[in-house]
Amino acid sequence: MPRGRAVTWIKGHILQTRRTCRSIALILATAASAVSCIAQGKPDAPAAKQSDPPSTQSSSTEKTQAPDKSDKGNDAQGKEPDGATSGTSKDRLFFTLPNFLTLENANQVPPLTAGQKYKVVARSSFDYAQYAWYGFLAGISQAENSEPGYGQGAAGYGKRYGAALADGTIENFLTSAVLPSLLRQDPRFFQSGHGGFWHRTGYAMSRVFVTRGDSGNSQANYSEIFGSAISAGISTYSYHPRGDRNVGNAASVWGTQVGYDTLTYVVKEFWPDIRRKLRKK
């Protein structure tokens, strides 16, 4: 490759990486600020306990009853209607985005079968809300002019929308169905629900690297790391612009996917607290 073209390629790749990092950093900062405000607004918890009747019930009973009274998004876990998979939930982040692989106060549950993993991932990936979400992501990509090979205008947006939809769907199946079935790992996120803000944030972020096996033991999260890497390779070298089909761009896509997944875990950890606050308004 001539020196001038090499310098131009390196500059373009650095610029694209900076844009991606700025987008992730902005989203992370906004989410962390919102979650921090919610976490600091917990003084009303003791008041709820004072109104409870005297200790005629065990603490475990109170924990199982709490979701029934205040967390409708998590009720009937393991007994889902409308063809939903047992051992999953029918919850939605911000009452919109599917959150079917998150369980609250349910650490002792049987593992999902391979068929159940595929079923819940399909149910989530082709949910109506996902199409609007990918439209939003495509709009951000269009505004930043990421991967200029797509162009601008309606045609460029359509290409970015299709790429976002394909990227998300492929990654969801690889990280939550295909590899978890092969490696016998549990794709569900088990909310911690206890400890301070930073403790819970650290726990949520660690789930990118540590997961639960079907045996119930903690394992390295090979499904997430390798699944997102394979997904990035497939997308980069198949339907993304030819000018972006290189190792550097594949690594950038991989990092972006892992970054979004990390943010999603943090939001899932604090979503029950946010939901309770929103319902009290």
C-alpha atoms as a PDB file:
ATOM      1  CA  MET A   1       0.000   0.000   0.000  1.00  0.00           C
ATOM      2  CA  PRO A   2       1.496   3.447  -0.914  1.00  0.00           C
ATOM      3  CA  ARG A   3       2.569   5.548   2.016  1.00  0.00           C
ATOM      4  CA  GLY A   4       0.010   8.288   1.334  1.00  0.00           C
ATOM      5  CA  ARG A   5      -2.899   5.852   1.215  1.00  0.00           C
ATOM      6  CA  ALA A   6      -1.665   4.127   4.369  1.00  0.00           C
ATOM      7  CA  VAL A   7      -1.555   7.427   6.265  1.00  0.00           C
ATOM      8  CA  THR A   8      -5.041   8.340   5.021  1.00  0.00           C
ATOM      9  CA  TRP A   9      -6.407   4.917   6.065  1.00  0.00           C
ATOM     10  CA  ILE A  10      -4.858   5.202   9.541  1.00  0.00           C
ATOM     11  CA  LYS A  11      -6.232   8.713  10.057  1.00  0.00           C
ATOM     12  CA  GLY A  12      -9.697   7.627   8.937  1.00  0.00           C
ATOM     13  CA  HIS A  13      -9.662   4.612  11.227  1.00  0.00           C
ATOM     14  CA  ILE A  14      -8.516   6.700  14.210  1.00  0.00           C
ATOM     15  CA  LEU A  15     -11.289   9.234  13.544  1.00  0.00           C
ATOM     16  CA  GLN A  16     -13.913   6.496  13.345  1.00  0.00           C
ATOM     17  CA  THR A  17     -12.658   4.896  16.567  1.00  0.00           C
ATOM     18  CA  ARG A  18     -12.773   8.250  18.347  1.00  0.00           C
ATOM     19  CA  ARG A  19     -16.364   8.784  17.244  1.00  0.00           C
ATOM     20  CA  THR A  20     -17.376   5.360  18.479  1.00  0.00           C
ATOM     21  CA  CYS A  21     -15.635   5.891  21.828  1.00  0.00           C
ATOM     22  CA  ARG A  22     -17.274   9.297  22.259  1.00  0.00           C
ATOM     23  CA  SER A  23     -20.710   7.808  21.608  1.00  0.00           C
ATOM     24  CA  ILE A  24     -20.192   5.001  24.118  1.00  0.00           C
ATOM     25  CA  ALA A  25     -18.701   7.382  26.676  1.00  0.00           C
ATOM     26  CA  LEU A  26     -21.654   9.761  26.325  1.00  0.00           C
ATOM     27  CA  ILE A  27     -24.186   6.974  26.768  1.00  0.00           C
ATOM     28  CA  LEU A  28     -22.276   5.493  29.725  1.00  0.00           C
ATOM     29  CA  ALA A  29     -21.972   8.886  31.425  1.00  0.00           C
ATOM     30  CA  THR A  30     -25.664   9.655  30.959  1.00  0.00           C
ATOM     31  CA  ALA A  31     -26.729   6.247  32.245  1.00  0.00           C
ATOM     32  CA  ALA A  32     -24.341   6.385  35.202  1.00  0.00           C
ATOM     33  CA  SER A  33     -25.623   9.829  36.174  1.00  0.00           C
ATOM     34  CA  ALA A  34     -29.256   8.724  35.984  1.00  0.00           C
ATOM     35  CA  VAL A  35     -28.656   5.500  37.865  1.00  0.00           C
ATOM     36  CA  SER A  36     -26.623   7.308  40.526  1.00  0.00           C
ATOM     37  CA  CYS A  37     -29.530   9.680  41.158  1.00  0.00           C
ATOM     38  CA  ILE A  38     -31.902   6.742  41.493  1.00  0.00           C
ATOM     39  CA  ALA A  39     -29.534   4.859  43.812  1.00  0.00           C
ATOM     40  CA  GLN A  40     -29.085   7.915  46.042  1.00  0.00           C
ATOM     41  CA  GLY A  41     -32.814   8.355  46.307  1.00  0.00           C
ATOM     42  CA  LYS A  42     -33.386   5.199  48.390  1.00  0.00           C
ATOM     43  CA  PRO A  43     -34.134   6.785  51.806  1.00  0.00           C
ATOM     44  CA  ASP A  44     -37.807   5.850  51.396  1.00  0.00           C
ATOM     45  CA  ALA A  45     -36.943   2.140  51.764  1.00  0.00           C
ATOM     46  CA  PRO A  46     -36.869   2.150  55.626  1.00  0.00           C
ATOM     47  CA  ALA A  47     -40.265   3.834  55.716  1.00  0.00           C
ATOM     48  CA  ALA A  48     -41.746   0.974  53.746  1.00  0.00           C
ATOM     49  CA  LYS A  49     -40.307  -1.483  56.252  1.00  0.00           C
ATOM     50  CA  GLN A  50     -41.803   0.429  59.211  1.00  0.00           C
ATOM     51  CA  SER A  51     -45.286   0.001  57.791  1.00  0.00           C
ATOM     52  CA  ASP A  52     -44.876  -3.756  57.603  1.00  0.00           C
ATOM     53  CA  PRO A  53     -46.581  -5.814  60.310  1.00  0.00           C
ATOM     54  CA  PRO A  54     -44.473  -7.118  63.201  1.00  0.00           C
ATOM     55  CA  SER A  55     -42.071  -9.946  62.473  1.00  0.00           C
ATOM     56  CA  THR A  56     -44.692 -12.565  61.713  1.00  0.00           C
ATOM     57  CA  GLN A  57     -43.144 -13.368  58.386  1.00  0.00           C
ATOM     58  CA  SER A  58     -39.629 -14.407  57.478  1.00  0.00           C
ATOM     59  CA  SER A  59     -37.345 -12.157  55.443  1.00  0.00           C
ATOM     60  CA  SER A  60     -37.429 -14.674  52.613  1.00  0.00           C
ATOM     61  CA  THR A  61     -41.220 -14.399  52.484  1.00  0.00           C
ATOM     62  CA  GLU A  62     -40.979 -10.606  52.284  1.00  0.00           C
ATOM     63  CA  LYS A  63     -38.574 -10.868  49.362  1.00  0.00           C
ATOM     64  CA  THR A  64     -40.856 -13.141  47.419  1.00  0.00           C
ATOM     65  CA  GLN A  65     -43.893 -10.937  48.099  1.00  0.00           C
ATOM     66  CA  ALA A  66     -42.226  -7.634  47.219  1.00  0.00           C
ATOM     67  CA  PRO A  67     -42.137  -8.192  43.445  1.00  0.00           C
ATOM     68  CA  ASP A  68     -45.835  -9.143  43.457  1.00  0.00           C
ATOM     69  CA  LYS A  69     -46.783  -5.809  45.026  1.00  0.00           C
ATOM     70  CA  SER A  70     -44.453  -3.365  43.344  1.00  0.00           C
ATOM     71  CA  ASP A  71     -42.707  -5.042  40.412  1.00  0.00           C
ATOM     72  CA  LYS A  72     -45.296  -6.201  37.946  1.00  0.00           C
ATOM     73  CA  GLY A  73     -42.607  -6.485  35.297  1.00  0.00           C
ATOM     74  CA  ASN A  74     -41.089  -9.442  37.154  1.00  0.00           C
ATOM     75  CA  ASP A  75     -44.159 -11.348  38.257  1.00  0.00           C
ATOM     76  CA  ALA A  76     -44.841 -14.935  37.288  1.00  0.00           C
ATOM     77  CA  GLN A  77     -41.227 -15.763  36.507  1.00  0.00           C
ATOM     78  CA  GLY A  78     -41.067 -19.339  35.356  1.00  0.00           C
ATOM     79  CA  LYS A  79     -44.795 -19.351  34.510  1.00  0.00           C
ATOM     80  CA  GLU A  80     -44.985 -17.157  31.460  1.00  0.00           C
ATOM     81  CA  PRO A  81     -48.090 -16.951  29.242  1.00  0.00           C
ATOM     82  CA  ASP A  82     -48.333 -16.479  25.508  1.00  0.00           C
ATOM     83  CA  GLY A  83     -45.769 -19.131  24.641  1.00  0.00           C
ATOM     84  CA  ALA A  84     -42.975 -17.534  26.685  1.00  0.00           C
ATOM     85  CA  THR A  85     -40.142 -19.718  27.918  1.00  0.00           C
ATOM     86  CA  SER A  86     -40.263 -21.001  31.489  1.00  0.00           C
ATOM     87  CA  GLY A  87     -37.410 -19.645  33.610  1.00  0.00           C
ATOM     88  CA  THR A  88     -37.408 -16.273  31.866  1.00  0.00           C
ATOM     89  CA  SER A  89     -39.304 -13.042  32.470  1.00  0.00           C
ATOM     90  CA  LYS A  90     -41.726 -10.829  30.575  1.00  0.00           C
ATOM     91  CA  ASP A  91     -40.130  -7.617  31.774  1.00  0.00           C
ATOM     92  CA  ARG A  92     -39.214  -4.691  29.500  1.00  0.00           C
ATOM     93  CA  LEU A  93     -36.530  -2.073  30.070  1.00  0.00           C
ATOM     94  CA  PHE A  94     -38.213   1.306  30.384  1.00  0.00           C
ATOM     95  CA  PHE A  95     -41.448  -0.594  29.690  1.00  0.00           C
ATOM     96  CA  THR A  96     -40.389  -0.991  26.046  1.00  0.00           C
ATOM     97  CA  LEU A  97     -37.220  -2.964  25.234  1.00  0.00           C
ATOM     98  CA  PRO A  98     -37.438  -6.727  25.876  1.00  0.00           C
ATOM     99  CA  ASN A  99     -35.665  -7.809  29.059  1.00  0.00           C
ATOM    100  CA  PHE A 100     -36.673 -11.454  28.979  1.00  0.00           C
ATOM    101  CA  LEU A 101     -33.318 -12.911  30.058  1.00  0.00           C
ATOM    102  CA  THR A 102     -33.114 -10.985  33.345  1.00  0.00           C
ATOM    103  CA  LEU A 103     -34.268 -12.542  36.609  1.00  0.00           C
ATOM    104  CA  GLU A 104     -34.797 -10.691  39.878  1.00  0.00           C
ATOM    105  CA  ASN A 105     -34.588 -12.432  43.269  1.00  0.00           C
ATOM    106  CA  ALA A 106     -34.427 -15.786  41.504  1.00  0.00           C
ATOM    107  CA  ASN A 107     -30.967 -17.247  41.951  1.00  0.00           C
ATOM    108  CA  GLN A 108     -32.179 -20.818  42.435  1.00  0.00           C
ATOM    109  CA  VAL A 109     -33.705 -21.728  39.094  1.00  0.00           C
ATOM    110  CA  PRO A 110     -33.171 -24.710  36.805  1.00  0.00           C
ATOM    111  CA  PRO A 111     -30.994 -24.217  33.699  1.00  0.00           C
ATOM    112  CA  LEU A 112     -32.532 -23.524  30.321  1.00  0.00           C
ATOM    113  CA  THR A 113     -32.493 -26.243  27.697  1.00  0.00           C
ATOM    114  CA  ALA A 114     -30.952 -25.514  24.305  1.00  0.00           C
ATOM    115  CA  GLY A 115     -34.414 -25.211  22.795  1.00  0.00           C
ATOM    116  CA  GLN A 116     -35.475 -22.739  25.476  1.00  0.00           C
ATOM    117  CA  LYS A 117     -32.391 -20.590  24.857  1.00  0.00           C
ATOM    118  CA  TYR A 118     -33.176 -20.330  21.162  1.00  0.00           C
ATOM    119  CA  LYS A 119     -36.839 -19.682  21.846  1.00  0.00           C
ATOM    120  CA  VAL A 120     -36.331 -16.760  24.230  1.00  0.00           C
ATOM    121  CA  VAL A 121     -33.637 -15.191  22.018  1.00  0.00           C
ATOM    122  CA  ALA A 122     -35.935 -15.371  18.992  1.00  0.00           C
ATOM    123  CA  ARG A 123     -38.755 -13.885  21.036  1.00  0.00           C
ATOM    124  CA  SER A 124     -36.493 -10.999  22.083  1.00  0.00           C
ATOM    125  CA  SER A 125     -34.675 -10.424  18.768  1.00  0.00           C
ATOM    126  CA  PHE A 126     -37.849 -10.128  16.696  1.00  0.00           C
ATOM    127  CA  ASP A 127     -39.827  -8.130  19.237  1.00  0.00           C
ATOM    128  CA  TYR A 128     -41.581  -5.063  17.811  1.00  0.00           C
ATOM    129  CA  ALA A 129     -39.598  -2.667  20.029  1.00  0.00           C
ATOM    130  CA  GLN A 130     -36.279  -3.836  18.582  1.00  0.00           C
ATOM    131  CA  TYR A 131     -37.103  -2.429  15.151  1.00  0.00           C
ATOM    132  CA  ALA A 132     -37.504   1.073  16.575  1.00  0.00           C
ATOM    133  CA  TRP A 133     -34.292   0.655  18.607  1.00  0.00           C
ATOM    134  CA  TYR A 134     -32.272  -0.264  15.530  1.00  0.00           C
ATOM    135  CA  GLY A 135     -33.768   2.737  13.756  1.00  0.00           C
ATOM    136  CA  PHE A 136     -32.441   4.924  16.569  1.00  0.00           C
ATOM    137  CA  LEU A 137     -28.957   3.381  16.330  1.00  0.00           C
ATOM    138  CA  ALA A 138     -28.978   3.833  12.550  1.00  0.00           C
ATOM    139  CA  GLY A 139     -29.845   7.497  13.052  1.00  0.00           C
ATOM    140  CA  ILE A 140     -26.831   7.986  15.341  1.00  0.00           C
ATOM    141  CA  SER A 141     -24.604   6.246  12.819  1.00  0.00           C
ATOM    142  CA  GLN A 142     -25.993   8.418  10.030  1.00  0.00           C
ATOM    143  CA  ALA A 143     -25.421  11.617  12.019  1.00  0.00           C
ATOM    144  CA  GLU A 144     -21.807  10.632  12.741  1.00  0.00           C
ATOM    145  CA  ASN A 145     -21.317   9.439   9.150  1.00  0.00           C
ATOM    146  CA  SER A 146     -19.741   6.277  10.485  1.00  0.00           C
ATOM    147  CA  GLU A 147     -18.676   3.879   7.723  1.00  0.00           C
ATOM    148  CA  PRO A 148     -18.894   6.517   4.953  1.00  0.00           C
ATOM    149  CA  GLY A 149     -19.205   3.756   2.360  1.00  0.00           C
ATOM    150  CA  TYR A 150     -22.908   3.600   3.172  1.00  0.00           C
ATOM    151  CA  GLY A 151     -23.373   7.164   1.951  1.00  0.00           C
ATOM    152  CA  GLN A 152     -26.011   9.623   3.155  1.00  0.00           C
ATOM    153  CA  GLY A 153     -29.675  10.243   2.442  1.00  0.00           C
ATOM    154  CA  ALA A 154     -32.451   7.665   2.568  1.00  0.00           C
ATOM    155  CA  ALA A 155     -30.311   5.008   0.864  1.00  0.00           C
ATOM    156  CA  GLY A 156     -27.497   5.443   3.377  1.00  0.00           C
ATOM    157  CA  TYR A 157     -29.914   5.318   6.308  1.00  0.00           C
ATOM    158  CA  GLY A 158     -31.567   2.185   4.946  1.00  0.00           C
ATOM    159  CA  LYS A 159     -28.205   0.452   4.647  1.00  0.00           C
ATOM    160  CA  ARG A 160     -27.244   1.461   8.183  1.00  0.00           C
ATOM    161  CA  TYR A 161     -30.610   0.294   9.489  1.00  0.00           C
ATOM    162  CA  GLY A 162     -30.215  -3.098   7.846  1.00  0.00           C
ATOM    163  CA  ALA A 163     -26.666  -3.413   9.166  1.00  0.00           C
ATOM    164  CA  ALA A 164     -27.741  -2.503  12.720  1.00  0.00           C
ATOM    165  CA  LEU A 165     -30.603  -4.995  12.584  1.00  0.00           C
ATOM    166  CA  ALA A 166     -28.341  -7.750  11.269  1.00  0.00           C
ATOM    167  CA  ASP A 167     -25.543  -6.936  13.738  1.00  0.00           C
ATOM    168  CA  GLY A 168     -27.875  -7.047  16.730  1.00  0.00           C
ATOM    169  CA  THR A 169     -29.721 -10.193  15.652  1.00  0.00           C
ATOM    170  CA  ILE A 170     -26.560 -12.160  14.841  1.00  0.00           C
ATOM    171  CA  GLU A 171     -24.899 -11.142  18.091  1.00  0.00           C
ATOM    172  CA  ASN A 172     -27.982 -11.977  20.168  1.00  0.00           C
ATOM    173  CA  PHE A 173     -28.189 -15.485  18.762  1.00  0.00           C
ATOM    174  CA  LEU A 174     -24.445 -16.158  19.039  1.00  0.00           C
ATOM    175  CA  THR A 175     -23.995 -14.824  22.591  1.00  0.00           C
ATOM    176  CA  SER A 176     -27.302 -15.998  24.075  1.00  0.00           C
ATOM    177  CA  ALA A 177     -28.288 -19.144  22.140  1.00  0.00           C
ATOM    178  CA  VAL A 178     -25.655 -20.742  19.898  1.00  0.00           C
ATOM    179  CA  LEU A 179     -22.559 -20.615  22.123  1.00  0.00           C
ATOM    180  CA  PRO A 180     -24.453 -20.986  25.431  1.00  0.00           C
ATOM    181  CA  SER A 181     -26.003 -24.170  24.045  1.00  0.00           C
ATOM    182  CA  LEU A 182     -22.655 -25.532  22.833  1.00  0.00           C
ATOM    183  CA  LEU A 183     -20.720 -24.488  25.952  1.00  0.00           C
ATOM    184  CA  ARG A 184     -23.571 -25.195  28.387  1.00  0.00           C
ATOM    185  CA  GLN A 185     -23.629 -21.679  29.781  1.00  0.00           C
ATOM    186  CA  ASP A 186     -26.575 -19.733  31.137  1.00  0.00           C
ATOM    187  CA  PRO A 187     -27.373 -16.620  29.041  1.00  0.00           C
ATOM    188  CA  ARG A 188     -29.556 -15.068  31.732  1.00  0.00           C
ATOM    189  CA  PHE A 189     -28.591 -12.057  33.857  1.00  0.00           C
ATOM    190  CA  PHE A 190     -29.222 -12.620  37.551  1.00  0.00           C
ATOM    191  CA  GLN A 191     -29.700  -9.281  39.244  1.00  0.00           C
ATOM    192  CA  SER A 192     -27.679  -8.733  42.436  1.00  0.00           C
ATOM    193  CA  GLY A 193     -30.091  -6.300  44.079  1.00  0.00           C
ATOM    194  CA  HIS A 194     -27.975  -5.694  47.196  1.00  0.00           C
ATOM    195  CA  GLY A 195     -25.014  -3.558  48.184  1.00  0.00           C
ATOM    196  CA  GLY A 196     -24.109   0.009  47.288  1.00  0.00           C
ATOM    197  CA  PHE A 197     -24.159   1.696  43.919  1.00  0.00           C
ATOM    198  CA  TRP A 198     -20.540   0.946  42.988  1.00  0.00           C
ATOM    199  CA  HIS A 199     -20.724  -2.617  44.267  1.00  0.00           C
ATOM    200  CA  ARG A 200     -23.746  -3.336  42.102  1.00  0.00           C
ATOM    201  CA  THR A 201     -22.233  -1.510  39.133  1.00  0.00           C
ATOM    202  CA  GLY A 202     -19.057  -3.585  39.429  1.00  0.00           C
ATOM    203  CA  TYR A 203     -21.090  -6.776  39.647  1.00  0.00           C
ATOM    204  CA  ALA A 204     -23.096  -5.884  36.528  1.00  0.00           C
ATOM    205  CA  MET A 205     -19.994  -4.977  34.521  1.00  0.00           C
ATOM    206  CA  SER A 206     -18.254  -8.193  35.587  1.00  0.00           C
ATOM    207  CA  ARG A 207     -21.031 -10.264  33.985  1.00  0.00           C
ATOM    208  CA  VAL A 208     -19.441  -9.545  30.612  1.00  0.00           C
ATOM    209  CA  PHE A 209     -16.494 -11.688  31.718  1.00  0.00           C
ATOM    210  CA  VAL A 210     -18.110 -14.032  34.269  1.00  0.00           C
ATOM    211  CA  THR A 211     -21.308 -15.986  33.822  1.00  0.00           C
ATOM    212  CA  ARG A 212     -23.107 -18.981  35.262  1.00  0.00           C
ATOM    213  CA  GLY A 213     -22.825 -22.403  33.719  1.00  0.00           C
ATOM    214  CA  ASP A 214     -25.786 -24.728  33.356  1.00  0.00           C
ATOM    215  CA  SER A 215     -24.260 -26.547  36.331  1.00  0.00           C
ATOM    216  CA  GLY A 216     -24.760 -23.443  38.471  1.00  0.00           C
ATOM    217  CA  ASN A 217     -21.040 -22.707  38.856  1.00  0.00           C
ATOM    218  CA  SER A 218     -19.357 -19.468  37.804  1.00  0.00           C
ATOM    219  CA  GLN A 219     -17.417 -19.646  34.547  1.00  0.00           C
ATOM    220  CA  ALA A 220     -15.562 -17.357  32.174  1.00  0.00           C
ATOM    221  CA  ASN A 221     -18.151 -15.828  29.853  1.00  0.00           C
ATOM    222  CA  TYR A 222     -16.825 -17.352  26.635  1.00  0.00           C
ATOM    223  CA  SER A 223     -20.272 -17.004  25.076  1.00  0.00           C
ATOM    224  CA  GLU A 224     -20.170 -13.209  25.330  1.00  0.00           C
ATOM    225  CA  ILE A 225     -16.522 -12.633  24.414  1.00  0.00           C
ATOM    226  CA  PHE A 226     -16.249 -15.099  21.547  1.00  0.00           C
ATOM    227  CA  GLY A 227     -19.860 -14.683  20.423  1.00  0.00           C
ATOM    228  CA  SER A 228     -19.484 -10.928  19.984  1.00  0.00           C
ATOM    229  CA  ALA A 229     -16.105 -11.430  18.265  1.00  0.00           C
ATOM    230  CA  ILE A 230     -17.543 -13.923  15.781  1.00  0.00           C
ATOM    231  CA  SER A 231     -20.503 -11.616  15.187  1.00  0.00           C
ATOM    232  CA  ALA A 232     -18.173  -8.680  14.498  1.00  0.00           C
ATOM    233  CA  GLY A 233     -16.183 -10.782  12.021  1.00  0.00           C
ATOM    234  CA  ILE A 234     -19.307 -11.947  10.187  1.00  0.00           C
ATOM    235  CA  SER A 235     -20.735  -8.453   9.865  1.00  0.00           C
ATOM    236  CA  THR A 236     -17.460  -6.778   8.894  1.00  0.00           C
ATOM    237  CA  TYR A 237     -16.489  -9.220   6.155  1.00  0.00           C
ATOM    238  CA  SER A 238     -19.938  -9.850   4.665  1.00  0.00           C
ATOM    239  CA  TYR A 239     -22.385  -6.963   4.382  1.00  0.00           C
ATOM    240  CA  HIS A 240     -20.463  -3.915   5.648  1.00  0.00           C
ATOM    241  CA  PRO A 241     -18.866  -1.570   3.042  1.00  0.00           C
ATOM    242  CA  ARG A 242     -15.894  -3.071   1.231  1.00  0.00           C
ATOM    243  CA  GLY A 243     -13.650  -0.228   2.316  1.00  0.00           C
ATOM    244  CA  ASP A 244     -14.270  -1.135   5.979  1.00  0.00           C
ATOM    245  CA  ARG A 245     -13.566  -4.848   5.649  1.00  0.00           C
ATOM    246  CA  ASN A 246     -10.369  -4.984   7.677  1.00  0.00           C
ATOM    247  CA  VAL A 247      -9.167  -6.255  11.037  1.00  0.00           C
ATOM    248  CA  GLY A 248      -9.155  -2.785  12.570  1.00  0.00           C
ATOM    249  CA  ASN A 249     -12.822  -2.198  11.818  1.00  0.00           C
ATOM    250  CA  ALA A 250     -13.756  -5.696  13.009  1.00  0.00           C
ATOM    251  CA  ALA A 251     -11.986  -4.967  16.308  1.00  0.00           C
ATOM    252  CA  SER A 252     -13.811  -1.634  16.558  1.00  0.00           C
ATOM    253  CA  VAL A 253     -17.195  -3.323  15.999  1.00  0.00           C
ATOM    254  CA  TRP A 254     -16.294  -5.973  18.584  1.00  0.00           C
ATOM    255  CA  GLY A 255     -15.366  -3.326  21.152  1.00  0.00           C
ATOM    256  CA  THR A 256     -18.559  -1.393  20.469  1.00  0.00           C
ATOM    257  CA  GLN A 257     -20.730  -4.488  20.941  1.00  0.00           C
ATOM    258  CA  VAL A 258     -19.015  -5.418  24.209  1.00  0.00           C
ATOM    259  CA  GLY A 259     -19.347  -1.808  25.380  1.00  0.00           C
ATOM    260  CA  TYR A 260     -23.079  -1.740  24.655  1.00  0.00           C
ATOM    261  CA  ASP A 261     -23.530  -5.111  26.368  1.00  0.00           C
ATOM    262  CA  THR A 262     -21.683  -3.845  29.464  1.00  0.00           C
ATOM    263  CA  LEU A 263     -23.898  -0.779  29.609  1.00  0.00           C
ATOM    264  CA  THR A 264     -26.975  -2.977  29.177  1.00  0.00           C
ATOM    265  CA  TYR A 265     -25.970  -5.142  32.145  1.00  0.00           C
ATOM    266  CA  VAL A 266     -25.625  -2.043  34.341  1.00  0.00           C
ATOM    267  CA  VAL A 267     -29.048  -0.782  33.284  1.00  0.00           C
ATOM    268  CA  LYS A 268     -30.558  -4.216  33.933  1.00  0.00           C
ATOM    269  CA  GLU A 269     -29.084  -4.253  37.434  1.00  0.00           C
ATOM    270  CA  PHE A 270     -30.691  -0.954  38.427  1.00  0.00           C
ATOM    271  CA  TRP A 271     -33.847  -1.169  36.319  1.00  0.00           C
ATOM    272  CA  PRO A 272     -36.012  -2.584  39.180  1.00  0.00           C
ATOM    273  CA  ASP A 273     -35.039   0.432  41.346  1.00  0.00           C
ATOM    274  CA  ILE A 274     -35.782   2.838  38.501  1.00  0.00           C
ATOM    275  CA  ARG A 275     -39.091   1.106  37.817  1.00  0.00           C
ATOM    276  CA  ARG A 276     -40.208   1.422  41.440  1.00  0.00           C
ATOM    277  CA  LYS A 277     -39.351   5.117  41.433  1.00  0.00           C
ATOM    278  CA  LEU A 278     -41.242   5.736  38.204  1.00  0.00           C
ATOM    279  CA  ARG A 279     -44.348   3.940  39.474  1.00  0.00           C
ATOM    280  CA  LYS A 280     -44.417   6.014  42.638  1.00  0.00           C
ATOM    281  CA  LYS A 281     -44.672   9.261  40.645  1.00  0.00           C
END
